[in-house]
C-alpha atoms as a PDB file:
ATOM      1  CA  UNK A   1       6.638   3.279  42.196  1.00  0.00           C
ATOM      2  CA  UNK A   2      10.155   2.462  40.817  1.00  0.00           C
ATOM      3  CA  UNK A   3       8.876  -1.322  40.126  1.00  0.00           C
ATOM      4  CA  UNK A   4       5.999  -0.092  38.097  1.00  0.00           C
ATOM      5  CA  UNK A   5       8.433   2.515  36.054  1.00  0.00           C
ATOM      6  CA  UNK A   6      10.626  -0.173  35.438  1.00  0.00           C
ATOM      7  CA  UNK A   7       7.791  -2.886  34.445  1.00  0.00           C
ATOM      8  CA  UNK A   8       6.209  -0.139  32.293  1.00  0.00           C
ATOM      9  CA  UNK A   9       9.723   0.597  30.435  1.00  0.00           C
ATOM     10  CA  UNK A  10       9.911  -3.080  29.832  1.00  0.00           C
ATOM     11  CA  UNK A  11       6.440  -3.443  28.460  1.00  0.00           C
ATOM     12  CA  UNK A  12       6.996  -0.233  26.103  1.00  0.00           C
ATOM     13  CA  UNK A  13      10.239  -1.931  24.978  1.00  0.00           C
ATOM     14  CA  UNK A  14       8.529  -5.028  24.068  1.00  0.00           C
ATOM     15  CA  UNK A  15       5.725  -3.265  22.060  1.00  0.00           C
ATOM     16  CA  UNK A  16       8.014  -1.349  20.235  1.00  0.00           C
ATOM     17  CA  UNK A  17      10.274  -4.327  19.324  1.00  0.00           C
ATOM     18  CA  UNK A  18       7.114  -5.870  17.958  1.00  0.00           C
ATOM     19  CA  UNK A  19       6.383  -2.628  15.768  1.00  0.00           C
ATOM     20  CA  UNK A  20       5.808  -3.498  12.195  1.00  0.00           C
ATOM     21  CA  UNK A  21       5.092  -1.411   8.939  1.00  0.00           C
ATOM     22  CA  UNK A  22       2.095  -2.780   7.144  1.00  0.00           C
ATOM     23  CA  UNK A  23       2.327  -2.301   3.289  1.00  0.00           C
ATOM     24  CA  UNK A  24       0.796  -4.159   0.155  1.00  0.00           C
ATOM     25  CA  UNK A  25       3.006  -6.058  -2.683  1.00  0.00           C
ATOM     26  CA  UNK A  26       3.561  -3.727  -5.570  1.00  0.00           C
ATOM     27  CA  UNK A  27       5.848  -5.926  -8.158  1.00  0.00           C
ATOM     28  CA  UNK A  28       5.811  -4.851 -11.705  1.00  0.00           C
ATOM     29  CA  UNK A  29       7.533  -7.979 -12.569  1.00  0.00           C
ATOM     30  CA  UNK A  30       5.766 -10.920 -10.690  1.00  0.00           C
ATOM     31  CA  UNK A  31       5.982 -13.263  -9.408  1.00  0.00           C
ATOM     32  CA  UNK A  32       7.217 -11.882  -6.407  1.00  0.00           C
ATOM     33  CA  UNK A  33      10.046 -13.695  -4.577  1.00  0.00           C
ATOM     34  CA  UNK A  34      10.267 -14.418  -0.566  1.00  0.00           C
ATOM     35  CA  UNK A  35      13.750 -15.179   0.461  1.00  0.00           C
ATOM     36  CA  UNK A  36      15.018 -17.110   3.468  1.00  0.00           C
ATOM     37  CA  UNK A  37      17.471 -14.059   4.448  1.00  0.00           C
ATOM     38  CA  UNK A  38      18.415 -10.827   2.990  1.00  0.00           C
ATOM     39  CA  UNK A  39      19.222 -11.213  -0.493  1.00  0.00           C
ATOM     40  CA  UNK A  40      19.324 -15.005   0.262  1.00  0.00           C
ATOM     41  CA  UNK A  41      17.873 -18.133  -1.425  1.00  0.00           C
ATOM     42  CA  UNK A  42      14.339 -17.809  -3.148  1.00  0.00           C
ATOM     43  CA  UNK A  43      11.887 -19.867  -0.847  1.00  0.00           C
ATOM     44  CA  UNK A  44       8.698 -18.807  -1.956  1.00  0.00           C
ATOM     45  CA  UNK A  45       7.171 -16.975  -5.032  1.00  0.00           C
ATOM     46  CA  UNK A  46       3.863 -15.235  -5.137  1.00  0.00           C
ATOM     47  CA  UNK A  47       1.841 -15.200  -8.302  1.00  0.00           C
ATOM     48  CA  UNK A  48       0.092 -12.370  -9.862  1.00  0.00           C
ATOM     49  CA  UNK A  49      -3.356 -13.683  -9.025  1.00  0.00           C
ATOM     50  CA  UNK A  50      -4.492 -11.389  -6.316  1.00  0.00           C
ATOM     51  CA  UNK A  51      -3.275  -8.368  -4.400  1.00  0.00           C
ATOM     52  CA  UNK A  52      -1.438  -9.168  -1.178  1.00  0.00           C
ATOM     53  CA  UNK A  53      -1.114  -7.329   2.146  1.00  0.00           C
ATOM     54  CA  UNK A  54       2.023  -7.862   4.031  1.00  0.00           C
ATOM     55  CA  UNK A  55       3.626  -7.102   7.872  1.00  0.00           C
ATOM     56  CA  UNK A  56       7.155  -6.091   7.747  1.00  0.00           C
ATOM     57  CA  UNK A  57       9.593  -5.723  10.466  1.00  0.00           C
ATOM     58  CA  UNK A  58      13.296  -5.478  10.893  1.00  0.00           C
ATOM     59  CA  UNK A  59      14.639  -3.605   7.702  1.00  0.00           C
ATOM     60  CA  UNK A  60      18.030  -4.450   6.618  1.00  0.00           C
ATOM     61  CA  UNK A  61      20.102  -3.190   3.770  1.00  0.00           C
ATOM     62  CA  UNK A  62      16.904  -2.509   1.407  1.00  0.00           C
ATOM     63  CA  UNK A  63      15.253  -5.743   2.852  1.00  0.00           C
ATOM     64  CA  UNK A  64      12.158  -6.066   5.124  1.00  0.00           C
ATOM     65  CA  UNK A  65      11.659  -9.209   7.331  1.00  0.00           C
ATOM     66  CA  UNK A  66       8.140 -10.641   6.488  1.00  0.00           C
ATOM     67  CA  UNK A  67       5.838 -11.461   9.654  1.00  0.00           C
ATOM     68  CA  UNK A  68       2.923 -12.346   7.366  1.00  0.00           C
ATOM     69  CA  UNK A  69       1.209 -12.055   4.287  1.00  0.00           C
ATOM     70  CA  UNK A  70      -2.561 -11.980   3.188  1.00  0.00           C
ATOM     71  CA  UNK A  71      -4.314 -12.342   0.194  1.00  0.00           C
ATOM     72  CA  UNK A  72      -6.240  -9.090   0.181  1.00  0.00           C
ATOM     73  CA  UNK A  73      -9.434 -10.116  -1.538  1.00  0.00           C
ATOM     74  CA  UNK A  74     -10.091 -13.306   0.346  1.00  0.00           C
ATOM     75  CA  UNK A  75      -8.549 -11.992   3.540  1.00  0.00           C
ATOM     76  CA  UNK A  76      -6.980 -15.363   3.830  1.00  0.00           C
ATOM     77  CA  UNK A  77      -3.167 -15.478   5.348  1.00  0.00           C
ATOM     78  CA  UNK A  78      -0.707 -17.124   3.014  1.00  0.00           C
ATOM     79  CA  UNK A  79       1.296 -19.738   4.931  1.00  0.00           C
ATOM     80  CA  UNK A  80       5.155 -18.673   5.216  1.00  0.00           C
ATOM     81  CA  UNK A  81       7.146 -21.827   4.124  1.00  0.00           C
ATOM     82  CA  UNK A  82      10.265 -22.966   2.937  1.00  0.00           C
ATOM     83  CA  UNK A  83      12.730 -21.409   5.033  1.00  0.00           C
ATOM     84  CA  UNK A  84      14.816 -23.466   7.268  1.00  0.00           C
ATOM     85  CA  UNK A  85      15.769 -20.543   9.608  1.00  0.00           C
ATOM     86  CA  UNK A  86      12.113 -19.591  10.007  1.00  0.00           C
ATOM     87  CA  UNK A  87      12.503 -16.204   8.483  1.00  0.00           C
ATOM     88  CA  UNK A  88      11.223 -14.565   5.332  1.00  0.00           C
ATOM     89  CA  UNK A  89      12.561 -11.510   3.530  1.00  0.00           C
ATOM     90  CA  UNK A  90      11.242  -9.072   0.527  1.00  0.00           C
ATOM     91  CA  UNK A  91      13.102  -6.479  -1.029  1.00  0.00           C
ATOM     92  CA  UNK A  92      11.812  -2.958  -0.256  1.00  0.00           C
ATOM     93  CA  UNK A  93      11.396  -2.037  -3.995  1.00  0.00           C
ATOM     94  CA  UNK A  94       8.321  -4.452  -4.561  1.00  0.00           C
ATOM     95  CA  UNK A  95       6.373  -3.104  -1.263  1.00  0.00           C
ATOM     96  CA  UNK A  96       4.307   0.217  -0.889  1.00  0.00           C
ATOM     97  CA  UNK A  97       1.619   1.534   0.736  1.00  0.00           C
ATOM     98  CA  UNK A  98      -0.244   5.049  -0.071  1.00  0.00           C
ATOM     99  CA  UNK A  99      -0.570   8.295   2.087  1.00  0.00           C
ATOM    100  CA  UNK A 100      -3.798   9.219   3.624  1.00  0.00           C
ATOM    101  CA  UNK A 101      -4.572  12.434   2.335  1.00  0.00           C
ATOM    102  CA  UNK A 102      -8.053  12.593   1.037  1.00  0.00           C
ATOM    103  CA  UNK A 103      -8.769  16.365   1.552  1.00  0.00           C
ATOM    104  CA  UNK A 104      -5.729  17.808  -0.250  1.00  0.00           C
ATOM    105  CA  UNK A 105      -4.270  19.067   2.872  1.00  0.00           C
ATOM    106  CA  UNK A 106      -0.536  19.853   2.736  1.00  0.00           C
ATOM    107  CA  UNK A 107       1.742  17.136   4.237  1.00  0.00           C
ATOM    108  CA  UNK A 108       5.551  16.749   4.110  1.00  0.00           C
ATOM    109  CA  UNK A 109       8.371  14.298   4.575  1.00  0.00           C
ATOM    110  CA  UNK A 110      10.757  15.179   7.452  1.00  0.00           C
ATOM    111  CA  UNK A 111      14.786  14.700   7.527  1.00  0.00           C
ATOM    112  CA  UNK A 112      14.207  12.832  10.873  1.00  0.00           C
ATOM    113  CA  UNK A 113      11.443  10.791  12.681  1.00  0.00           C
ATOM    114  CA  UNK A 114      10.152  13.645  14.580  1.00  0.00           C
ATOM    115  CA  UNK A 115       7.610  16.595  14.213  1.00  0.00           C
ATOM    116  CA  UNK A 116      10.595  18.591  14.933  1.00  0.00           C
ATOM    117  CA  UNK A 117      12.411  17.408  11.734  1.00  0.00           C
ATOM    118  CA  UNK A 118      12.845  19.757   9.086  1.00  0.00           C
ATOM    119  CA  UNK A 119      10.254  19.473   5.944  1.00  0.00           C
ATOM    120  CA  UNK A 120      12.271  18.471   3.184  1.00  0.00           C
ATOM    121  CA  UNK A 121       9.239  17.719   0.725  1.00  0.00           C
ATOM    122  CA  UNK A 122       5.761  18.806   0.366  1.00  0.00           C
ATOM    123  CA  UNK A 123       2.653  17.153  -1.304  1.00  0.00           C
ATOM    124  CA  UNK A 124      -0.954  17.807  -1.159  1.00  0.00           C
ATOM    125  CA  UNK A 125      -2.516  14.654  -2.757  1.00  0.00           C
ATOM    126  CA  UNK A 126      -2.636  10.837  -1.989  1.00  0.00           C
ATOM    127  CA  UNK A 127       0.790   9.358  -2.947  1.00  0.00           C
ATOM    128  CA  UNK A 128       2.411   5.986  -3.473  1.00  0.00           C
ATOM    129  CA  UNK A 129       5.298   5.408  -1.269  1.00  0.00           C
ATOM    130  CA  UNK A 130       7.887   2.558  -0.690  1.00  0.00           C
ATOM    131  CA  UNK A 131       8.784   2.035   3.105  1.00  0.00           C
ATOM    132  CA  UNK A 132      12.544   1.571   3.473  1.00  0.00           C
ATOM    133  CA  UNK A 133      12.818   1.871   7.413  1.00  0.00           C
ATOM    134  CA  UNK A 134      10.896   2.925  10.693  1.00  0.00           C
ATOM    135  CA  UNK A 135      11.652   4.106  14.067  1.00  0.00           C
ATOM    136  CA  UNK A 136       8.922   3.920  16.657  1.00  0.00           C
ATOM    137  CA  UNK A 137       5.757   5.690  15.059  1.00  0.00           C
ATOM    138  CA  UNK A 138       7.786   6.753  12.015  1.00  0.00           C
ATOM    139  CA  UNK A 139       8.399   5.242   8.939  1.00  0.00           C
ATOM    140  CA  UNK A 140      11.174   6.356   6.255  1.00  0.00           C
ATOM    141  CA  UNK A 141       9.754   6.330   2.896  1.00  0.00           C
ATOM    142  CA  UNK A 142      10.716   7.274  -0.864  1.00  0.00           C
ATOM    143  CA  UNK A 143       8.351   9.324  -2.787  1.00  0.00           C
ATOM    144  CA  UNK A 144       8.936  10.681  -5.953  1.00  0.00           C
ATOM    145  CA  UNK A 145      12.680  10.201  -5.599  1.00  0.00           C
ATOM    146  CA  UNK A 146      12.441  12.114  -2.074  1.00  0.00           C
ATOM    147  CA  UNK A 147      13.346  10.114   1.069  1.00  0.00           C
ATOM    148  CA  UNK A 148      12.096  11.287   4.180  1.00  0.00           C
ATOM    149  CA  UNK A 149      10.152  10.460   7.420  1.00  0.00           C
ATOM    150  CA  UNK A 150       6.398  10.237   7.806  1.00  0.00           C
ATOM    151  CA  UNK A 151       4.102   9.118  10.715  1.00  0.00           C
ATOM    152  CA  UNK A 152       2.849   5.395  10.280  1.00  0.00           C
ATOM    153  CA  UNK A 153      -0.528   6.800  11.115  1.00  0.00           C
ATOM    154  CA  UNK A 154      -0.627   8.731   7.776  1.00  0.00           C
ATOM    155  CA  UNK A 155       0.058   5.580   5.256  1.00  0.00           C
ATOM    156  CA  UNK A 156      -2.433   3.088   4.356  1.00  0.00           C
ATOM    157  CA  UNK A 157      -1.700  -0.594   3.864  1.00  0.00           C
ATOM    158  CA  UNK A 158      -4.717  -1.579   1.690  1.00  0.00           C
ATOM    159  CA  UNK A 159      -4.215  -1.637  -1.916  1.00  0.00           C
ATOM    160  CA  UNK A 160      -8.127  -2.483  -2.533  1.00  0.00           C
ATOM    161  CA  UNK A 161      -9.827   0.555  -0.625  1.00  0.00           C
ATOM    162  CA  UNK A 162      -8.797   3.868   0.841  1.00  0.00           C
ATOM    163  CA  UNK A 163      -7.992   3.906   4.537  1.00  0.00           C
ATOM    164  CA  UNK A 164     -10.237   6.140   7.036  1.00  0.00           C
END
């Protein structure tokens, strides 16, 4: 029994370490730069020719590590290239997602990543948010100048459609 518990813990740690936030590129000043490190050298620039979806991990001082990028209309993965370190980064100010709130239910941002966290900001309609960090199933976002935590399942990563 002890062995099963230990294996389960290691599997859970592995799953959580692979956790990511999915979003889209929301850059008002394209082309969007992809860098080799947080605030490092520009190794790629994405032209403003389509909408891009993006997988993000390892937030660090306002930067996200890029795991993948997809041209949304064509559902085609963009090859990440040019970084000698094999890592790619994007600033959190140019990525976004929306909240899943289609029935005008009342939702909130919380002061910590837990349902027990104090509600700090309430909203009732679908909102554009900028993810800045995550902790398990919770994502820290900026919404209308307010920073707080929301469950990842409440976010939509598709810029072309609404999520179910």
